[in-house]
Amino acid sequence: MNAIDPFDPASLALLVAIFVAGGMVKGALGFGLPLTTMAILPFFVPVDFALAVNALVLPFTNIAQFIQAKRMRETIYRFRLVLLGVAFGVPVGAMLVSRISDSALLIALGVFVLLFVGLTLTRPALAIAAPAERPVGLGVGVAAGIVGALTTANGPLFVMYLVGLKVDRKLFVSTLSLLFIVSGVLISGTFVAAGLIDTTRLAISALCIPASLAGMAAGNAIGDRISADRFRLAVLLFLAFLAVNLILTGAAEL
């Protein structure tokens, strides 16, 4: 799990390739970059390294989507309680990072990815009544903040919440982008305070940001050429395979 040397060109190329792959998933599906990269990176780098780089990359891959959706004011006002919940949950999750072993984090991440795959394949009929939107949003924000700090892959929680509200596509993209930006900035800040981000990881993330953006552009192109359902199924099967391996790797280290 510690095979990558951050100063080795081949190792850096592998890291860049992983973020290109994550960007492709996000470009095609609209989300899933940290979910994909965190399912792969722990096989090559320490978990805290993977978390730090993902946290730094996350906000930059969502700024353009948030601006392009042109629903900024509406998004911020309507989902302000979700943002408040994220702001509360991230520090709680960040405190847990240093107290939970890498093996436990690997198992938790694997289970979380499998849960996401299962929910996506079964497509449960989620519905959130209008009176429950705000309290549920606050709870989702807190949970997503904690999960985000532990894994940087809190997208499934946001996605399920927005699907339950049945928002239109532009508001879905705008809200998801904003939530990723805010959680990414908060997670990065708490990681800096906890000493998980240093100049080396900052420099590596600077390489991974353009790699992710290039992957997103490729993912958009792929999404226009092949069946969205087929691509989604391939991604989910790949994530399920990686998730099982994460669980087995974590269990072997207990």
Protein backbone atom coordinates (compact mmCIF):
# COMPACT_ATOMS: atom_id res chain seq x y z
CA MET A 1 0.00 0.00 0.00
CA ASN A 2 3.03 2.28 0.25
CA ALA A 3 4.54 1.36 -3.13
CA ILE A 4 4.45 4.83 -4.65
CA ASP A 5 7.42 7.14 -4.24
CA PRO A 6 6.07 10.72 -4.61
CA PHE A 7 9.41 11.83 -6.09
CA ASP A 8 9.56 9.10 -8.74
CA PRO A 9 8.31 10.11 -12.24
CA ALA A 10 6.67 6.72 -12.82
CA SER A 11 4.86 6.98 -9.49
CA LEU A 12 3.65 10.49 -10.29
CA ALA A 13 2.45 9.27 -13.70
CA LEU A 14 0.42 6.57 -11.97
CA LEU A 15 -1.14 9.10 -9.60
CA VAL A 16 -2.01 11.38 -12.53
CA ALA A 17 -3.54 8.43 -14.42
CA ILE A 18 -5.73 7.57 -11.41
CA PHE A 19 -7.08 11.12 -11.29
CA VAL A 20 -7.66 11.12 -15.04
CA ALA A 21 -9.77 7.99 -14.54
CA GLY A 22 -11.65 9.65 -11.68
CA GLY A 23 -12.24 12.71 -13.83
CA MET A 24 -13.63 10.54 -16.63
CA VAL A 25 -16.18 9.01 -14.26
CA LYS A 26 -17.19 12.47 -13.02
CA GLY A 27 -17.41 13.82 -16.57
CA ALA A 28 -19.68 11.00 -17.67
CA LEU A 29 -21.85 10.69 -14.55
CA GLY A 30 -21.65 14.17 -13.04
CA PHE A 31 -20.02 12.87 -9.82
CA GLY A 32 -17.83 10.02 -8.60
CA LEU A 33 -14.28 11.40 -8.82
CA PRO A 34 -13.27 10.91 -5.15
CA LEU A 35 -15.29 7.71 -4.97
CA THR A 36 -13.22 6.30 -7.84
CA THR A 37 -9.82 7.63 -6.78
CA MET A 38 -10.29 6.60 -3.14
CA ALA A 39 -11.19 3.10 -4.31
CA ILE A 40 -7.83 2.86 -6.13
CA LEU A 41 -5.29 5.05 -4.31
CA PRO A 42 -5.11 3.07 -1.03
CA PHE A 43 -3.57 0.17 -2.95
CA PHE A 44 -0.54 2.38 -3.71
CA VAL A 45 -0.31 5.12 -1.09
CA PRO A 46 -1.14 5.54 2.62
CA VAL A 47 -4.78 6.39 3.29
CA ASP A 48 -3.95 9.80 4.77
CA PHE A 49 -1.97 10.66 1.62
CA ALA A 50 -4.94 9.71 -0.59
CA LEU A 51 -7.34 11.70 1.59
CA ALA A 52 -5.15 14.81 1.52
CA VAL A 53 -4.68 14.89 -2.25
CA ASN A 54 -8.38 14.20 -2.89
CA ALA A 55 -9.41 16.98 -0.53
CA LEU A 56 -7.22 19.47 -2.38
CA VAL A 57 -8.42 18.39 -5.82
CA LEU A 58 -12.13 18.22 -5.01
CA PRO A 59 -13.09 21.94 -4.98
CA PHE A 60 -11.35 22.77 -8.26
CA THR A 61 -13.19 20.09 -10.25
CA ASN A 62 -16.57 21.54 -9.28
CA ILE A 63 -16.15 25.31 -9.63
CA ALA A 64 -16.78 25.35 -13.38
CA GLN A 65 -19.88 23.15 -13.06
CA PHE A 66 -21.30 25.38 -10.34
CA ILE A 67 -20.83 28.55 -12.40
CA GLN A 68 -22.13 27.02 -15.64
CA ALA A 69 -25.36 25.84 -13.99
CA LYS A 70 -26.30 29.52 -13.38
CA ARG A 71 -28.36 28.77 -10.27
CA MET A 72 -25.90 30.09 -7.68
CA ARG A 73 -28.15 32.30 -5.55
CA GLU A 74 -31.04 29.82 -5.50
CA THR A 75 -28.71 26.94 -4.64
CA ILE A 76 -27.02 28.72 -1.74
CA TYR A 77 -30.32 29.91 -0.24
CA ARG A 78 -32.29 26.69 -0.59
CA PHE A 79 -29.55 24.38 0.68
CA ARG A 80 -28.02 26.59 3.35
CA LEU A 81 -28.89 24.09 6.12
CA VAL A 82 -27.09 21.31 4.26
CA LEU A 83 -24.03 23.56 4.08
CA LEU A 84 -24.35 24.28 7.81
CA GLY A 85 -24.49 20.56 8.51
CA VAL A 86 -21.38 19.95 6.41
CA ALA A 87 -19.55 22.69 8.31
CA PHE A 88 -20.40 20.91 11.57
CA GLY A 89 -19.69 17.38 10.36
CA VAL A 90 -16.30 17.89 8.72
CA PRO A 91 -14.40 18.79 11.94
CA VAL A 92 -15.99 15.80 13.70
CA GLY A 93 -14.86 13.49 10.90
CA ALA A 94 -11.40 15.06 10.84
CA MET A 95 -10.94 14.31 14.55
CA LEU A 96 -11.88 10.69 13.87
CA VAL A 97 -9.32 10.31 11.06
CA SER A 98 -6.38 10.35 13.47
CA ARG A 99 -8.13 7.95 15.85
CA ILE A 100 -9.12 5.27 13.34
CA SER A 101 -6.54 2.85 11.95
CA ASP A 102 -5.82 2.64 8.22
CA SER A 103 -7.20 -0.90 8.14
CA ALA A 104 -10.50 0.22 9.65
CA LEU A 105 -10.70 3.12 7.19
CA LEU A 106 -10.08 0.76 4.28
CA ILE A 107 -12.87 -1.53 5.42
CA ALA A 108 -15.24 1.40 6.03
CA LEU A 109 -14.44 2.85 2.61
CA GLY A 110 -14.99 -0.50 0.92
CA VAL A 111 -18.35 -0.98 2.66
CA PHE A 112 -19.39 2.57 1.76
CA VAL A 113 -18.52 2.03 -1.92
CA LEU A 114 -20.42 -1.28 -1.97
CA LEU A 115 -23.42 0.44 -0.38
CA PHE A 116 -23.33 3.10 -3.07
CA VAL A 117 -23.10 0.47 -5.83
CA GLY A 118 -26.00 -1.50 -4.36
CA LEU A 119 -28.22 1.55 -3.99
CA THR A 120 -27.43 2.73 -7.51
CA LEU A 121 -28.17 -0.67 -9.07
CA THR A 122 -31.43 -1.17 -7.17
CA ARG A 123 -32.56 2.42 -7.74
CA PRO A 124 -34.74 2.74 -4.64
CA ALA A 125 -37.71 5.06 -4.94
CA LEU A 126 -36.46 7.86 -2.71
CA ALA A 127 -38.88 10.66 -1.87
CA ILE A 128 -38.48 13.49 0.63
CA ALA A 129 -41.63 15.45 1.48
CA ALA A 130 -41.38 19.24 1.32
CA PRO A 131 -41.77 19.78 5.11
CA ALA A 132 -38.88 17.36 5.73
CA GLU A 133 -36.48 18.94 3.23
CA ARG A 134 -34.69 21.21 5.69
CA PRO A 135 -34.31 18.89 8.71
CA VAL A 136 -33.30 15.99 6.48
CA GLY A 137 -30.89 18.31 4.67
CA LEU A 138 -29.25 19.31 7.94
CA GLY A 139 -28.83 15.65 8.90
CA VAL A 140 -27.47 14.76 5.47
CA GLY A 141 -25.01 17.65 5.72
CA VAL A 142 -23.68 16.48 9.08
CA ALA A 143 -23.37 12.87 7.91
CA ALA A 144 -21.75 13.93 4.62
CA GLY A 145 -19.29 16.13 6.49
CA ILE A 146 -18.19 13.24 8.69
CA VAL A 147 -18.01 10.76 5.81
CA GLY A 148 -16.24 13.34 3.66
CA ALA A 149 -13.51 13.91 6.23
CA LEU A 150 -13.03 10.16 6.65
CA THR A 151 -13.11 9.20 2.96
CA THR A 152 -13.52 12.39 0.82
CA ALA A 153 -16.21 10.33 -0.98
CA ASN A 154 -19.44 11.78 0.39
CA GLY A 155 -21.09 12.15 -3.02
CA PRO A 156 -23.58 9.28 -2.61
CA LEU A 157 -25.20 10.95 0.40
CA PHE A 158 -25.67 14.21 -1.49
CA VAL A 159 -26.92 12.39 -4.59
CA MET A 160 -29.53 10.36 -2.69
CA TYR A 161 -30.78 13.52 -0.94
CA LEU A 162 -31.17 15.46 -4.20
CA VAL A 163 -32.79 12.49 -5.95
CA GLY A 164 -35.27 12.30 -3.07
CA LEU A 165 -36.14 15.96 -3.61
CA LYS A 166 -36.59 15.36 -7.36
CA VAL A 167 -34.81 18.59 -8.31
CA ASP A 168 -34.30 19.42 -11.98
CA ARG A 169 -31.00 18.58 -13.69
CA LYS A 170 -29.50 22.10 -13.59
CA LEU A 171 -30.27 22.54 -9.91
CA PHE A 172 -28.97 19.02 -9.26
CA VAL A 173 -25.62 19.87 -10.90
CA SER A 174 -25.44 23.29 -9.25
CA THR A 175 -26.19 21.94 -5.78
CA LEU A 176 -23.92 18.93 -6.05
CA SER A 177 -21.07 21.16 -7.25
CA LEU A 178 -21.58 23.67 -4.43
CA LEU A 179 -21.70 20.94 -1.78
CA PHE A 180 -18.49 19.40 -3.14
CA ILE A 181 -16.75 22.79 -3.22
CA VAL A 182 -17.71 23.65 0.36
CA SER A 183 -16.95 20.20 1.77
CA GLY A 184 -13.64 20.09 -0.13
CA VAL A 185 -12.53 23.48 1.20
CA LEU A 186 -13.54 22.59 4.77
CA ILE A 187 -11.89 19.17 4.60
CA SER A 188 -8.70 20.69 3.22
CA GLY A 189 -8.68 23.26 6.02
CA THR A 190 -9.12 20.68 8.75
CA PHE A 191 -6.46 18.47 7.17
CA VAL A 192 -4.02 21.40 7.13
CA ALA A 193 -4.75 22.00 10.81
CA ALA A 194 -4.21 18.30 11.53
CA GLY A 195 -0.91 18.26 9.66
CA LEU A 196 -2.14 15.90 6.93
CA ILE A 197 -1.26 18.36 4.15
CA ASP A 198 2.34 19.39 3.53
CA THR A 199 4.15 21.02 0.61
CA THR A 200 4.79 17.67 -1.11
CA ARG A 201 1.12 16.71 -1.10
CA LEU A 202 0.19 20.22 -2.15
CA ALA A 203 2.56 20.00 -5.13
CA ILE A 204 1.23 16.58 -6.13
CA SER A 205 -2.35 17.82 -5.97
CA ALA A 206 -1.33 20.62 -8.36
CA LEU A 207 -0.56 17.89 -10.90
CA CYS A 208 -3.73 15.96 -10.18
CA ILE A 209 -6.08 18.95 -10.64
CA PRO A 210 -5.41 19.41 -14.39
CA ALA A 211 -5.36 15.62 -14.78
CA SER A 212 -8.85 15.45 -13.26
CA LEU A 213 -10.11 18.27 -15.50
CA ALA A 214 -8.70 16.52 -18.57
CA GLY A 215 -10.41 13.32 -17.47
CA MET A 216 -13.70 15.18 -17.04
CA ALA A 217 -13.48 16.49 -20.61
CA ALA A 218 -12.82 12.95 -21.86
CA GLY A 219 -15.69 11.63 -19.74
CA ASN A 220 -18.05 14.17 -21.25
CA ALA A 221 -17.01 13.04 -24.73
CA ILE A 222 -17.43 9.37 -23.81
CA GLY A 223 -20.84 10.05 -22.35
CA ASP A 224 -21.95 11.54 -25.67
CA ARG A 225 -20.86 8.49 -27.67
CA ILE A 226 -21.87 5.43 -25.68
CA SER A 227 -24.92 4.37 -23.74
CA ALA A 228 -25.01 6.09 -20.37
CA ASP A 229 -26.48 2.95 -18.80
CA ARG A 230 -23.68 0.74 -20.13
CA PHE A 231 -20.98 3.10 -18.94
CA ARG A 232 -22.66 3.42 -15.53
CA LEU A 233 -22.87 -0.37 -15.18
CA ALA A 234 -19.19 -0.78 -16.11
CA VAL A 235 -18.15 1.85 -13.56
CA LEU A 236 -20.28 0.27 -10.84
CA LEU A 237 -18.88 -3.21 -11.46
CA PHE A 238 -15.36 -1.82 -11.39
CA LEU A 239 -16.05 0.02 -8.13
CA ALA A 240 -17.58 -3.11 -6.61
CA PHE A 241 -14.45 -5.10 -7.49
CA LEU A 242 -12.22 -2.44 -5.93
CA ALA A 243 -14.44 -2.18 -2.86
CA VAL A 244 -14.18 -5.91 -2.17
CA ASN A 245 -10.41 -5.67 -2.49
CA LEU A 246 -10.32 -2.73 -0.08
CA ILE A 247 -12.29 -4.71 2.49
CA LEU A 248 -10.05 -7.77 2.09
CA THR A 249 -6.89 -5.63 2.30
CA GLY A 250 -8.12 -3.87 5.44
CA ALA A 251 -9.18 -7.14 7.05
CA ALA A 252 -5.75 -8.67 6.37
CA GLU A 253 -4.10 -5.77 8.24
CA LEU A 254 -6.23 -6.02 11.38
